[in-house]
Amino acid sequence: MAVKLILTDIDGTILPYGHMRVSERTVAAIHAALDAGIVAGPASGRFHSWIPAFFGGDDACCATAIAANGMQVYHAGKMVLERTIDPDALRRAAAVLREVPGTGLIVFRDGSPHLVQGDREDLSVAFPRYARECLDAEGLPDAPVPKANIFVKGSLDDTRALVARLNREVDCLDFDVPQEMFCNVMPGGWNKGAAFAWLLDYLGVSRDEAVVFGDAGNDVALFEQAEHSVAVAGALPEAVAAARWHIGACEDDAVAEAIEALVAGGWPFTR
């Protein structure tokens, strides 16, 4: 089959947890896809301005990207779609969080994270980099924001339970689980999968001409929209169950190996 679009999650899919840059092999594989005329890039919960650093500053690797869990879509280095989160909806979520110890809320403004509710010490357990780099904010935002995240000091089961409660009680927003102790916030009905479907239409690419890779709960919506969804080894059970295909581990450059095979005209997926 002819592959025209390849998208991959970053954390836990091409970037091992605790690492700051993807492998040189991954960068080379993405460039090989681009050189072959295949549109390729990340589909991440990360804000777009934070993504190039994971590729060693190589902007070509993320010129096309789904970022901020679908809130931003880029192509050819330009933002072609941006969604925002209504501040009144965030206030409803914040009201739920005030009843749950160890939780908090961060929002992005001008590319920087701001701690608007919760304790920085709890955030340092859930997401150390944000705890180091986020700015203090005085209360919730009055204007729409392009990215928001919730943290919870606890286990993966605690994170799932909090997301389930938020999805029950805050009907104007959707929430999902990219990793333990961390949650994404999106407008109702919008996520990585919705952004992927939009990008397919924008590029004129059909579902069976795209391959997507991921590992986490926020990749499930992406997998549900893709004909060829691929989970890496060690993915969360919900991502494994949603994926059509399964490959090796992030730490072994399994995605890079698969992209290399696709560029060569092969089909590396058998299970």
Foldseek 3Di string as FASTA:
>chain_A
DAAAEEEEEPDFWQADPPDFAGDPLLLVLLVLCVVLNHHYEYEYLADVVSPCRNHVNPCSRVQAYQYNQNQWTHHNNDTPHGDWDAQVLVVQLVVVVVVAPLKFKWFDDPNAIETATDDLVSVCQFPVVNSVTHHYDDHTDNGIGRWMKMFGNDFQVVVVVSQVVCVVRRVQWHWWDFDTRMITIGGPPGGSLVSVVVVCVVVVHDQANYEYEDAEGSCLSNLVNHPAYEYEPPGDPSSVVSGPFYWYTSVVVGVSVQSNQVSVVHHPTDD
